[in-house]
C-alpha atoms as a PDB file:
ATOM      1  CA  MET A   1      -1.337  52.200  68.851  1.00  0.00           C
ATOM      2  CA  GLN A   2      -2.136  51.092  72.473  1.00  0.00           C
ATOM      3  CA  ARG A   3       1.786  50.436  72.785  1.00  0.00           C
ATOM      4  CA  ARG A   4       2.513  53.887  71.665  1.00  0.00           C
ATOM      5  CA  GLY A   5       0.078  55.180  73.885  1.00  0.00           C
ATOM      6  CA  GLN A   6       1.650  53.305  76.896  1.00  0.00           C
ATOM      7  CA  ASP A   7       5.310  54.817  76.102  1.00  0.00           C
ATOM      8  CA  VAL A   8       3.634  58.407  75.971  1.00  0.00           C
ATOM      9  CA  SER A   9       1.869  58.070  79.263  1.00  0.00           C
ATOM     10  CA  PHE A  10       5.184  56.270  80.558  1.00  0.00           C
ATOM     11  CA  TRP A  11       7.329  59.333  79.890  1.00  0.00           C
ATOM     12  CA  ALA A  12       4.631  61.626  80.728  1.00  0.00           C
ATOM     13  CA  GLY A  13       4.490  60.046  84.324  1.00  0.00           C
ATOM     14  CA  ARG A  14       8.046  60.665  85.184  1.00  0.00           C
ATOM     15  CA  LYS A  15       9.068  63.725  86.964  1.00  0.00           C
ATOM     16  CA  ARG A  16      11.360  66.360  85.393  1.00  0.00           C
ATOM     17  CA  PRO A  17      14.273  67.580  87.590  1.00  0.00           C
ATOM     18  CA  SER A  18      13.184  70.814  89.482  1.00  0.00           C
ATOM     19  CA  GLY A  19      14.998  73.822  88.205  1.00  0.00           C
ATOM     20  CA  ARG A  20      17.337  73.683  91.572  1.00  0.00           C
ATOM     21  CA  VAL A  21      18.740  70.523  90.735  1.00  0.00           C
ATOM     22  CA  GLY A  22      19.383  71.297  87.274  1.00  0.00           C
ATOM     23  CA  ARG A  23      21.228  74.214  88.146  1.00  0.00           C
ATOM     24  CA  ARG A  24      23.245  72.034  90.495  1.00  0.00           C
ATOM     25  CA  LEU A  25      23.915  69.359  87.995  1.00  0.00           C
ATOM     26  CA  LEU A  26      24.976  71.971  85.421  1.00  0.00           C
ATOM     27  CA  THR A  27      27.396  73.768  87.938  1.00  0.00           C
ATOM     28  CA  LEU A  28      29.187  70.268  88.662  1.00  0.00           C
ATOM     29  CA  GLY A  29      29.519  69.680  85.031  1.00  0.00           C
ATOM     30  CA  VAL A  30      31.255  72.997  84.329  1.00  0.00           C
ATOM     31  CA  ALA A  31      33.659  72.637  87.418  1.00  0.00           C
ATOM     32  CA  PHE A  32      34.419  68.968  86.254  1.00  0.00           C
ATOM     33  CA  LEU A  33      35.357  70.394  82.771  1.00  0.00           C
ATOM     34  CA  VAL A  34      37.242  73.328  84.175  1.00  0.00           C
ATOM     35  CA  THR A  35      39.288  70.828  86.307  1.00  0.00           C
ATOM     36  CA  ILE A  36      40.210  68.797  83.315  1.00  0.00           C
ATOM     37  CA  CYS A  37      41.184  71.763  81.164  1.00  0.00           C
ATOM     38  CA  LEU A  38      43.508  73.084  84.233  1.00  0.00           C
ATOM     39  CA  GLN A  39      45.047  69.486  84.745  1.00  0.00           C
ATOM     40  CA  LEU A  40      45.785  69.456  80.928  1.00  0.00           C
ATOM     41  CA  ALA A  41      47.178  72.904  80.591  1.00  0.00           C
ATOM     42  CA  PHE A  42      49.510  72.280  83.807  1.00  0.00           C
ATOM     43  CA  SER A  43      50.549  68.906  82.455  1.00  0.00           C
ATOM     44  CA  ARG A  44      51.785  70.474  79.172  1.00  0.00           C
ATOM     45  CA  THR A  45      53.391  73.362  80.703  1.00  0.00           C
ATOM     46  CA  PHE A  46      55.346  71.279  83.009  1.00  0.00           C
ATOM     47  CA  SER A  47      56.427  68.828  80.084  1.00  0.00           C
ATOM     48  CA  THR A  48      57.549  71.799  78.126  1.00  0.00           C
ATOM     49  CA  GLY A  49      59.439  73.350  80.961  1.00  0.00           C
ATOM     50  CA  ASP A  50      61.204  70.045  81.939  1.00  0.00           C
ATOM     51  CA  GLN A  51      61.920  69.439  78.412  1.00  0.00           C
ATOM     52  CA  ASN A  52      63.421  72.985  78.257  1.00  0.00           C
ATOM     53  CA  ARG A  53      65.535  72.315  81.276  1.00  0.00           C
ATOM     54  CA  VAL A  54      67.203  69.526  79.836  1.00  0.00           C
ATOM     55  CA  LEU A  55      67.813  70.620  76.300  1.00  0.00           C
ATOM     56  CA  LYS A  56      69.074  74.016  77.525  1.00  0.00           C
ATOM     57  CA  PRO A  57      72.931  74.171  76.688  1.00  0.00           C
ATOM     58  CA  TYR A  58      75.233  74.778  79.478  1.00  0.00           C
ATOM     59  CA  ASN A  59      77.647  77.693  79.238  1.00  0.00           C
ATOM     60  CA  SER A  60      81.469  77.537  80.144  1.00  0.00           C
ATOM     61  CA  SER A  61      81.080  78.709  83.628  1.00  0.00           C
ATOM     62  CA  GLU A  62      78.365  76.080  84.284  1.00  0.00           C
ATOM     63  CA  LEU A  63      80.587  73.545  82.784  1.00  0.00           C
ATOM     64  CA  GLN A  64      83.414  74.370  84.717  1.00  0.00           C
ATOM     65  CA  ARG A  65      81.387  74.127  88.039  1.00  0.00           C
ATOM     66  CA  LEU A  66      79.782  70.921  87.121  1.00  0.00           C
ATOM     67  CA  ARG A  67      83.325  69.336  86.482  1.00  0.00           C
ATOM     68  CA  ALA A  68      84.487  70.577  89.658  1.00  0.00           C
ATOM     69  CA  THR A  69      81.667  69.263  91.818  1.00  0.00           C
ATOM     70  CA  GLU A  70      80.565  65.936  89.982  1.00  0.00           C
ATOM     71  CA  VAL A  71      82.027  62.710  90.696  1.00  0.00           C
ATOM     72  CA  LYS A  72      85.000  62.148  88.254  1.00  0.00           C
ATOM     73  CA  VAL A  73      84.466  59.021  85.823  1.00  0.00           C
ATOM     74  CA  ARG A  74      87.941  57.392  85.517  1.00  0.00           C
ATOM     75  CA  ARG A  75      88.996  55.065  82.844  1.00  0.00           C
ATOM     76  CA  PRO A  76      90.719  51.932  84.052  1.00  0.00           C
ATOM     77  CA  LEU A  77      94.235  51.878  83.100  1.00  0.00           C
ATOM     78  CA  TYR A  78      96.725  54.174  81.360  1.00  0.00           C
ATOM     79  CA  VAL A  79     100.022  52.857  80.018  1.00  0.00           C
ATOM     80  CA  ALA A  80     103.132  55.264  79.507  1.00  0.00           C
ATOM     81  CA  VAL A  81     105.428  53.479  77.072  1.00  0.00           C
ATOM     82  CA  GLN A  82     109.049  54.182  77.358  1.00  0.00           C
ATOM     83  CA  THR A  83     110.694  54.179  73.779  1.00  0.00           C
ATOM     84  CA  THR A  84     113.224  55.608  71.433  1.00  0.00           C
ATOM     85  CA  THR A  85     112.867  57.381  68.191  1.00  0.00           C
ATOM     86  CA  ARG A  86     114.604  54.429  66.323  1.00  0.00           C
ATOM     87  CA  HIS A  87     111.802  52.011  67.499  1.00  0.00           C
ATOM     88  CA  LEU A  88     108.956  54.381  66.374  1.00  0.00           C
ATOM     89  CA  ARG A  89     108.456  52.472  62.876  1.00  0.00           C
ATOM     90  CA  THR A  90     109.297  49.012  64.358  1.00  0.00           C
ATOM     91  CA  SER A  91     108.131  48.137  68.165  1.00  0.00           C
ATOM     92  CA  VAL A  92     106.197  51.238  68.386  1.00  0.00           C
ATOM     93  CA  SER A  93     104.158  50.720  65.433  1.00  0.00           C
ATOM     94  CA  ALA A  94     103.785  46.822  66.254  1.00  0.00           C
ATOM     95  CA  ILE A  95     102.240  47.829  69.610  1.00  0.00           C
ATOM     96  CA  GLN A  96     100.003  50.326  68.382  1.00  0.00           C
ATOM     97  CA  ASN A  97      98.505  47.848  65.711  1.00  0.00           C
ATOM     98  CA  THR A  98      98.241  44.911  68.274  1.00  0.00           C
ATOM     99  CA  TRP A  99      97.921  45.359  72.157  1.00  0.00           C
ATOM    100  CA  ALA A 100      97.503  49.141  72.140  1.00  0.00           C
ATOM    101  CA  SER A 101      94.751  48.857  69.608  1.00  0.00           C
ATOM    102  CA  LYS A 102      90.818  48.711  70.130  1.00  0.00           C
ATOM    103  CA  THR A 103      90.445  48.914  73.797  1.00  0.00           C
ATOM    104  CA  ASP A 104      88.234  51.530  75.376  1.00  0.00           C
ATOM    105  CA  ASP A 105      89.387  50.541  78.980  1.00  0.00           C
ATOM    106  CA  VAL A 106      93.092  51.505  78.316  1.00  0.00           C
ATOM    107  CA  GLN A 107      94.905  54.567  76.896  1.00  0.00           C
ATOM    108  CA  VAL A 108      98.427  53.961  75.723  1.00  0.00           C
ATOM    109  CA  GLU A 109     100.926  56.818  74.873  1.00  0.00           C
ATOM    110  CA  PHE A 110     104.439  56.513  73.676  1.00  0.00           C
ATOM    111  CA  PHE A 111     107.282  58.598  75.276  1.00  0.00           C
ATOM    112  CA  VAL A 112     110.278  59.750  73.387  1.00  0.00           C
ATOM    113  CA  ASP A 113     113.148  62.033  73.793  1.00  0.00           C
ATOM    114  CA  VAL A 114     113.185  65.082  71.505  1.00  0.00           C
ATOM    115  CA  SER A 115     116.159  66.952  72.832  1.00  0.00           C
ATOM    116  CA  ARG A 116     117.742  65.907  69.357  1.00  0.00           C
ATOM    117  CA  LYS A 117     116.067  67.128  66.266  1.00  0.00           C
ATOM    118  CA  THR A 118     113.570  64.193  65.428  1.00  0.00           C
ATOM    119  CA  SER A 119     110.661  64.571  62.761  1.00  0.00           C
ATOM    120  CA  LEU A 120     107.391  62.892  64.477  1.00  0.00           C
ATOM    121  CA  GLU A 121     104.941  64.673  62.041  1.00  0.00           C
ATOM    122  CA  THR A 122     104.573  61.920  59.766  1.00  0.00           C
ATOM    123  CA  LEU A 123     103.584  59.328  62.603  1.00  0.00           C
ATOM    124  CA  HIS A 124     100.055  58.885  63.500  1.00  0.00           C
ATOM    125  CA  TYR A 125     100.833  57.322  66.846  1.00  0.00           C
ATOM    126  CA  PRO A 126      99.981  58.976  70.397  1.00  0.00           C
ATOM    127  CA  ILE A 127     103.597  60.075  70.957  1.00  0.00           C
ATOM    128  CA  VAL A 128     104.942  62.376  73.851  1.00  0.00           C
ATOM    129  CA  GLY A 129     107.939  64.253  73.152  1.00  0.00           C
ATOM    130  CA  LEU A 130     110.277  65.109  76.358  1.00  0.00           C
ATOM    131  CA  ASN A 131     113.461  66.368  77.080  1.00  0.00           C
ATOM    132  CA  GLY A 132     114.644  63.022  78.326  1.00  0.00           C
ATOM    133  CA  THR A 133     112.459  60.085  78.833  1.00  0.00           C
ATOM    134  CA  ASP A 134     113.827  58.746  82.101  1.00  0.00           C
ATOM    135  CA  GLU A 135     111.134  57.832  84.346  1.00  0.00           C
ATOM    136  CA  THR A 136     111.491  60.917  86.350  1.00  0.00           C
ATOM    137  CA  GLN A 137     110.730  62.995  83.416  1.00  0.00           C
ATOM    138  CA  MET A 138     107.925  60.751  82.617  1.00  0.00           C
ATOM    139  CA  LEU A 139     106.198  60.792  86.006  1.00  0.00           C
ATOM    140  CA  LYS A 140     106.621  64.669  86.166  1.00  0.00           C
ATOM    141  CA  TYR A 141     104.628  64.717  82.914  1.00  0.00           C
ATOM    142  CA  LEU A 142     101.945  62.555  84.065  1.00  0.00           C
ATOM    143  CA  CYS A 143     101.750  64.181  87.448  1.00  0.00           C
ATOM    144  CA  GLU A 144     100.941  67.325  85.815  1.00  0.00           C
ATOM    145  CA  ARG A 145      98.299  66.363  83.256  1.00  0.00           C
ATOM    146  CA  GLN A 146      96.814  62.719  83.905  1.00  0.00           C
ATOM    147  CA  TRP A 147      97.004  61.631  87.461  1.00  0.00           C
ATOM    148  CA  PHE A 148      93.130  62.402  88.246  1.00  0.00           C
ATOM    149  CA  ASP A 149      91.627  60.619  84.986  1.00  0.00           C
ATOM    150  CA  PHE A 150      92.493  56.748  85.500  1.00  0.00           C
ATOM    151  CA  ASP A 151      92.153  54.302  88.360  1.00  0.00           C
ATOM    152  CA  TRP A 152      95.636  52.748  87.415  1.00  0.00           C
ATOM    153  CA  PHE A 153      98.866  53.901  85.872  1.00  0.00           C
ATOM    154  CA  ALA A 154     101.564  51.831  84.193  1.00  0.00           C
ATOM    155  CA  LEU A 155     105.161  52.550  83.077  1.00  0.00           C
ATOM    156  CA  ALA A 156     106.402  50.346  80.736  1.00  0.00           C
ATOM    157  CA  ARG A 157     109.285  49.696  78.345  1.00  0.00           C
ATOM    158  CA  ASP A 158     108.837  49.196  74.625  1.00  0.00           C
ATOM    159  CA  GLN A 159     109.930  45.558  74.554  1.00  0.00           C
ATOM    160  CA  THR A 160     107.097  44.631  77.021  1.00  0.00           C
ATOM    161  CA  TYR A 161     103.867  42.713  75.516  1.00  0.00           C
ATOM    162  CA  VAL A 162     100.880  43.502  77.492  1.00  0.00           C
ATOM    163  CA  LYS A 163      97.600  41.520  77.732  1.00  0.00           C
ATOM    164  CA  THR A 164      95.693  44.699  78.468  1.00  0.00           C
ATOM    165  CA  ASP A 165      92.285  43.024  78.960  1.00  0.00           C
ATOM    166  CA  GLU A 166      93.637  40.476  81.122  1.00  0.00           C
ATOM    167  CA  VAL A 167      95.722  43.070  83.113  1.00  0.00           C
ATOM    168  CA  VAL A 168      92.474  45.233  83.539  1.00  0.00           C
ATOM    169  CA  THR A 169      90.496  42.171  84.912  1.00  0.00           C
ATOM    170  CA  PHE A 170      93.274  41.384  87.364  1.00  0.00           C
ATOM    171  CA  LEU A 171      93.283  45.147  88.583  1.00  0.00           C
ATOM    172  CA  ARG A 172      89.880  45.085  89.027  1.00  0.00           C
ATOM    173  CA  GLN A 173      90.088  42.627  91.728  1.00  0.00           C
ATOM    174  CA  LYS A 174      92.457  44.861  93.816  1.00  0.00           C
ATOM    175  CA  ASP A 175      91.167  48.035  96.018  1.00  0.00           C
ATOM    176  CA  LYS A 176      92.148  50.818  93.736  1.00  0.00           C
ATOM    177  CA  ARG A 177      91.542  53.202  96.856  1.00  0.00           C
ATOM    178  CA  GLU A 178      94.946  51.695  98.319  1.00  0.00           C
ATOM    179  CA  GLU A 179      98.245  53.150  97.720  1.00  0.00           C
ATOM    180  CA  ILE A 180      99.444  50.074  95.984  1.00  0.00           C
ATOM    181  CA  ILE A 181     102.041  49.432  93.463  1.00  0.00           C
ATOM    182  CA  VAL A 182     102.524  45.923  91.436  1.00  0.00           C
ATOM    183  CA  GLY A 183     104.961  44.690  89.017  1.00  0.00           C
ATOM    184  CA  HIS A 184     107.768  42.068  88.573  1.00  0.00           C
ATOM    185  CA  MET A 185     109.213  42.926  91.798  1.00  0.00           C
ATOM    186  CA  GLY A 186     105.967  42.185  93.909  1.00  0.00           C
ATOM    187  CA  GLU A 187     103.582  44.194  95.677  1.00  0.00           C
ATOM    188  CA  VAL A 188     104.428  47.361  97.158  1.00  0.00           C
ATOM    189  CA  LEU A 189     102.675  49.477  99.752  1.00  0.00           C
ATOM    190  CA  LEU A 190     103.092  52.923 100.793  1.00  0.00           C
ATOM    191  CA  GLY A 191     102.610  54.225 104.029  1.00  0.00           C
ATOM    192  CA  GLU A 192     101.595  52.220 106.921  1.00  0.00           C
ATOM    193  CA  ALA A 193      99.760  50.008 104.828  1.00  0.00           C
ATOM    194  CA  GLY A 194     102.720  47.742 104.544  1.00  0.00           C
ATOM    195  CA  TRP A 195     102.802  46.958 107.981  1.00  0.00           C
ATOM    196  CA  GLU A 196      98.819  46.342 108.212  1.00  0.00           C
ATOM    197  CA  ARG A 197      98.951  44.259 105.027  1.00  0.00           C
ATOM    198  CA  CYS A 198     101.843  41.887 105.667  1.00  0.00           C
ATOM    199  CA  ALA A 199     103.117  40.235 108.586  1.00  0.00           C
ATOM    200  CA  ASP A 200     106.037  42.530 110.351  1.00  0.00           C
ATOM    201  CA  SER A 201     108.626  39.964 109.392  1.00  0.00           C
ATOM    202  CA  ASP A 202     107.818  39.921 105.931  1.00  0.00           C
ATOM    203  CA  VAL A 203     107.833  43.581 105.293  1.00  0.00           C
ATOM    204  CA  GLU A 204     111.145  44.830 103.500  1.00  0.00           C
ATOM    205  CA  ASP A 205     112.026  48.403 102.542  1.00  0.00           C
ATOM    206  CA  MET A 206     113.100  49.003  98.991  1.00  0.00           C
ATOM    207  CA  GLY A 207     114.104  52.084  97.211  1.00  0.00           C
ATOM    208  CA  PHE A 208     111.988  53.586  94.559  1.00  0.00           C
ATOM    209  CA  SER A 209     114.594  52.895  92.026  1.00  0.00           C
ATOM    210  CA  SER A 210     114.086  49.314  92.517  1.00  0.00           C
ATOM    211  CA  VAL A 211     110.216  49.606  91.909  1.00  0.00           C
ATOM    212  CA  LEU A 212     111.159  51.278  88.808  1.00  0.00           C
ATOM    213  CA  ASP A 213     113.420  48.543  87.554  1.00  0.00           C
ATOM    214  CA  SER A 214     111.127  46.244  85.742  1.00  0.00           C
ATOM    215  CA  SER A 215     109.399  45.955  82.301  1.00  0.00           C
ATOM    216  CA  ILE A 216     106.170  47.369  83.941  1.00  0.00           C
ATOM    217  CA  THR A 217     105.097  48.968  86.886  1.00  0.00           C
ATOM    218  CA  LEU A 218     101.480  49.584  87.797  1.00  0.00           C
ATOM    219  CA  PHE A 219     100.388  52.349  90.128  1.00  0.00           C
ATOM    220  CA  SER A 220      96.920  52.727  91.812  1.00  0.00           C
ATOM    221  CA  ALA A 221      95.614  56.454  91.520  1.00  0.00           C
ATOM    222  CA  PRO A 222      96.379  57.026  95.381  1.00  0.00           C
ATOM    223  CA  ALA A 223      99.716  55.558  95.041  1.00  0.00           C
ATOM    224  CA  PHE A 224     100.572  57.487  92.075  1.00  0.00           C
ATOM    225  CA  LYS A 225      99.351  60.465  93.732  1.00  0.00           C
ATOM    226  CA  GLU A 226     101.683  60.157  96.790  1.00  0.00           C
ATOM    227  CA  ILE A 227     104.592  59.554  94.077  1.00  0.00           C
ATOM    228  CA  CYS A 228     103.564  62.802  92.704  1.00  0.00           C
ATOM    229  CA  SER A 229     103.777  64.457  96.207  1.00  0.00           C
ATOM    230  CA  THR A 230     107.073  63.070  96.701  1.00  0.00           C
ATOM    231  CA  LEU A 231     108.419  64.277  93.338  1.00  0.00           C
ATOM    232  CA  ALA A 232     107.093  68.094  94.088  1.00  0.00           C
ATOM    233  CA  ALA A 233     108.879  67.854  97.205  1.00  0.00           C
ATOM    234  CA  CYS A 234     111.987  66.859  95.432  1.00  0.00           C
ATOM    235  CA  GLU A 235     111.632  69.378  92.866  1.00  0.00           C
ATOM    236  CA  LYS A 236     111.643  71.812  95.661  1.00  0.00           C
ATOM    237  CA  GLN A 237     114.841  70.812  97.299  1.00  0.00           C
ATOM    238  CA  SER A 238     116.696  70.757  93.766  1.00  0.00           C
ATOM    239  CA  ARG A 239     114.857  73.215  91.573  1.00  0.00           C
ATOM    240  CA  GLU A 240     117.632  73.403  88.680  1.00  0.00           C
ATOM    241  CA  SER A 241     118.769  69.764  88.679  1.00  0.00           C
ATOM    242  CA  THR A 242     116.906  67.131  87.170  1.00  0.00           C
ATOM    243  CA  GLU A 243     119.662  64.479  87.999  1.00  0.00           C
ATOM    244  CA  ARG A 244     119.476  65.688  91.625  1.00  0.00           C
ATOM    245  CA  GLN A 245     115.544  65.136  91.582  1.00  0.00           C
ATOM    246  CA  SER A 246     115.816  61.690  90.034  1.00  0.00           C
ATOM    247  CA  LYS A 247     118.536  60.774  92.715  1.00  0.00           C
ATOM    248  CA  CYS A 248     115.889  62.174  95.445  1.00  0.00           C
ATOM    249  CA  LEU A 249     113.173  60.160  93.966  1.00  0.00           C
ATOM    250  CA  ALA A 250     115.232  57.003  93.624  1.00  0.00           C
ATOM    251  CA  ASN A 251     115.895  57.133  97.514  1.00  0.00           C
ATOM    252  CA  TYR A 252     112.441  57.353  98.376  1.00  0.00           C
ATOM    253  CA  ILE A 253     111.443  54.270 100.512  1.00  0.00           C
ATOM    254  CA  VAL A 254     108.798  51.943 100.202  1.00  0.00           C
ATOM    255  CA  GLN A 255     107.454  48.482 101.720  1.00  0.00           C
ATOM    256  CA  ILE A 256     107.091  45.349  99.952  1.00  0.00           C
ATOM    257  CA  CYS A 257     105.818  42.143 100.940  1.00  0.00           C
ATOM    258  CA  GLY A 258     108.411  39.506 100.496  1.00  0.00           C
ATOM    259  CA  THR A 259     105.838  36.311 100.359  1.00  0.00           C
ATOM    260  CA  LYS A 260     104.275  37.659  97.421  1.00  0.00           C
ATOM    261  CA  THR A 261     107.395  38.205  95.332  1.00  0.00           C
ATOM    262  CA  THR A 262     107.167  34.993  93.413  1.00  0.00           C
ATOM    263  CA  LYS A 263     103.559  35.227  92.478  1.00  0.00           C
ATOM    264  CA  TYR A 264     104.021  38.501  90.817  1.00  0.00           C
ATOM    265  CA  SER A 265     107.250  37.446  89.012  1.00  0.00           C
ATOM    266  CA  ARG A 266     104.949  34.892  87.320  1.00  0.00           C
ATOM    267  CA  LEU A 267     102.297  37.521  86.327  1.00  0.00           C
ATOM    268  CA  PHE A 268     104.973  40.079  85.083  1.00  0.00           C
ATOM    269  CA  TYR A 269     106.973  37.498  83.389  1.00  0.00           C
ATOM    270  CA  GLU A 270     110.465  38.641  82.365  1.00  0.00           C
ATOM    271  CA  ALA A 271     112.610  35.876  80.631  1.00  0.00           C
ATOM    272  CA  GLN A 272     116.055  35.377  81.999  1.00  0.00           C
ATOM    273  CA  VAL A 273     117.507  31.961  81.303  1.00  0.00           C
ATOM    274  CA  GLU A 274     114.946  29.505  79.823  1.00  0.00           C
ATOM    275  CA  PRO A 275     115.637  26.016  78.888  1.00  0.00           C
ATOM    276  CA  THR A 276     116.249  25.991  75.165  1.00  0.00           C
ATOM    277  CA  TYR A 277     114.287  24.297  72.635  1.00  0.00           C
ATOM    278  CA  SER A 278     115.352  24.184  69.008  1.00  0.00           C
ATOM    279  CA  GLY A 279     118.208  26.426  69.723  1.00  0.00           C
ATOM    280  CA  GLN A 280     116.148  28.993  71.271  1.00  0.00           C
ATOM    281  CA  SER A 281     116.863  30.986  74.408  1.00  0.00           C
ATOM    282  CA  SER A 282     113.504  32.046  75.423  1.00  0.00           C
ATOM    283  CA  VAL A 283     109.997  32.366  74.081  1.00  0.00           C
ATOM    284  CA  THR A 284     110.787  36.116  73.165  1.00  0.00           C
ATOM    285  CA  SER A 285     113.993  36.720  72.639  1.00  0.00           C
ATOM    286  CA  GLY A 286     114.439  34.096  70.023  1.00  0.00           C
ATOM    287  CA  PRO A 287     112.307  32.989  67.000  1.00  0.00           C
ATOM    288  CA  PHE A 288     108.599  32.538  67.583  1.00  0.00           C
ATOM    289  CA  ASP A 289     107.641  29.012  68.676  1.00  0.00           C
ATOM    290  CA  PRO A 290     104.138  28.207  69.490  1.00  0.00           C
ATOM    291  CA  ASP A 291     104.999  24.728  70.696  1.00  0.00           C
ATOM    292  CA  PHE A 292     107.249  26.306  73.238  1.00  0.00           C
ATOM    293  CA  LEU A 293     104.253  28.482  74.432  1.00  0.00           C
ATOM    294  CA  TRP A 294     101.798  25.497  74.465  1.00  0.00           C
ATOM    295  CA  ARG A 295     104.148  23.445  76.794  1.00  0.00           C
ATOM    296  CA  ASN A 296     105.492  26.319  79.145  1.00  0.00           C
ATOM    297  CA  THR A 297     102.172  27.461  80.603  1.00  0.00           C
ATOM    298  CA  HIS A 298     103.897  29.940  83.024  1.00  0.00           C
ATOM    299  CA  VAL A 299     104.616  31.878  80.068  1.00  0.00           C
ATOM    300  CA  THR A 300     101.164  32.023  78.513  1.00  0.00           C
ATOM    301  CA  SER A 301      99.281  32.535  81.864  1.00  0.00           C
ATOM    302  CA  ALA A 302     101.319  35.519  82.412  1.00  0.00           C
ATOM    303  CA  LEU A 303      99.911  39.207  82.300  1.00  0.00           C
ATOM    304  CA  THR A 304     102.874  40.597  80.639  1.00  0.00           C
ATOM    305  CA  LEU A 305     105.948  39.323  78.616  1.00  0.00           C
ATOM    306  CA  HIS A 306     109.474  40.640  78.318  1.00  0.00           C
ATOM    307  CA  PRO A 307     111.431  40.988  76.548  1.00  0.00           C
ATOM    308  CA  VAL A 308     110.232  40.951  72.749  1.00  0.00           C
ATOM    309  CA  LYS A 309     113.046  41.675  70.888  1.00  0.00           C
ATOM    310  CA  ASP A 310     111.374  42.625  67.206  1.00  0.00           C
ATOM    311  CA  ALA A 311     108.233  43.835  65.908  1.00  0.00           C
ATOM    312  CA  LYS A 312     107.346  40.432  64.245  1.00  0.00           C
ATOM    313  CA  THR A 313     107.323  38.496  67.348  1.00  0.00           C
ATOM    314  CA  THR A 314     104.790  41.076  68.849  1.00  0.00           C
ATOM    315  CA  TYR A 315     102.424  40.524  65.790  1.00  0.00           C
ATOM    316  CA  GLN A 316     102.871  36.743  66.212  1.00  0.00           C
ATOM    317  CA  LEU A 317     102.365  36.818  70.032  1.00  0.00           C
ATOM    318  CA  TYR A 318      99.011  39.013  69.542  1.00  0.00           C
ATOM    319  CA  HIS A 319      97.648  36.559  66.763  1.00  0.00           C
ATOM    320  CA  TYR A 320      98.692  33.330  69.015  1.00  0.00           C
ATOM    321  CA  PHE A 321      96.829  34.885  72.124  1.00  0.00           C
ATOM    322  CA  HIS A 322      93.756  36.000  69.854  1.00  0.00           C
ATOM    323  CA  GLY A 323      93.289  32.947  67.936  1.00  0.00           C
ATOM    324  CA  ALA A 324      90.467  30.545  68.671  1.00  0.00           C
ATOM    325  CA  ASP A 325      92.542  27.767  69.473  1.00  0.00           C
ATOM    326  CA  TYR A 326      94.278  29.553  72.257  1.00  0.00           C
ATOM    327  CA  SER A 327      90.929  30.573  73.768  1.00  0.00           C
ATOM    328  CA  ILE A 328      89.722  26.970  73.742  1.00  0.00           C
ATOM    329  CA  ARG A 329      93.157  26.086  75.682  1.00  0.00           C
ATOM    330  CA  ARG A 330      92.373  28.624  78.249  1.00  0.00           C
ATOM    331  CA  SER A 331      88.962  27.512  78.873  1.00  0.00           C
ATOM    332  CA  SER A 332      89.878  23.856  79.093  1.00  0.00           C
END
């Protein structure tokens, strides 16, 4: 009982806050609660508004404005394959099912002449039909539709085997901002770049027709744009004559670095007269022989191979280069 009494006296002895202090505490408490509520409300409104801003769909005019102002994301490589209608179910089918398949970095299209009546409806390949498939017609088509979508462009023949992944890796080591063309003939530089890159004594003038006289020719986007401008100038000079336009473009002069010709002829391999083995004339124009490839590293290390005479060889090369044993050889 005594302890209880002490407790009562203890609490009785404490001073209660005056009315003035109590009102101040009450005011501070209310202000604190109001501040918290305002912060929560503002945060929720901002979050909702931000979500609405992100999720709001763009109309067509806004999309056009964004496409015009935003930086264009280009894909690494576009390959235009020059072929004929009689190869659509053989060579083209093999290419589509091998080196042109399952790659996000490369787009491949096949160009055929449809000036004669040809049925393409049953084929499920990316085919472009033109009235004539010489290089001038192909370039004209690409200049009107594709030149701003890719970092590099390639014109290839349908007897060319392309190691697409290795070609893309090789091109990424180049400066895609330069006006440069590469292929079996060597490294071609447009404008003043040829004189700056090569020694004066090493620069050789070459007609553009010689540049295209390869199994595959690769253009950087700036070089391709320059060729498109040259083609447009040729069209103005000869509006009604495709033949004259082709001749005008063929006479366009470019510079080539002579000392690099050997290097590029190995990278973009074109079989001429090879040492025979078991009666074979070359790795691709005769029956397929893995042992020949095993011994001739200059062939297996190339980025492209030409000529591949039949569809069966295309499949055999694809399985050879994508086999586990080949990967081990490359790494060793």
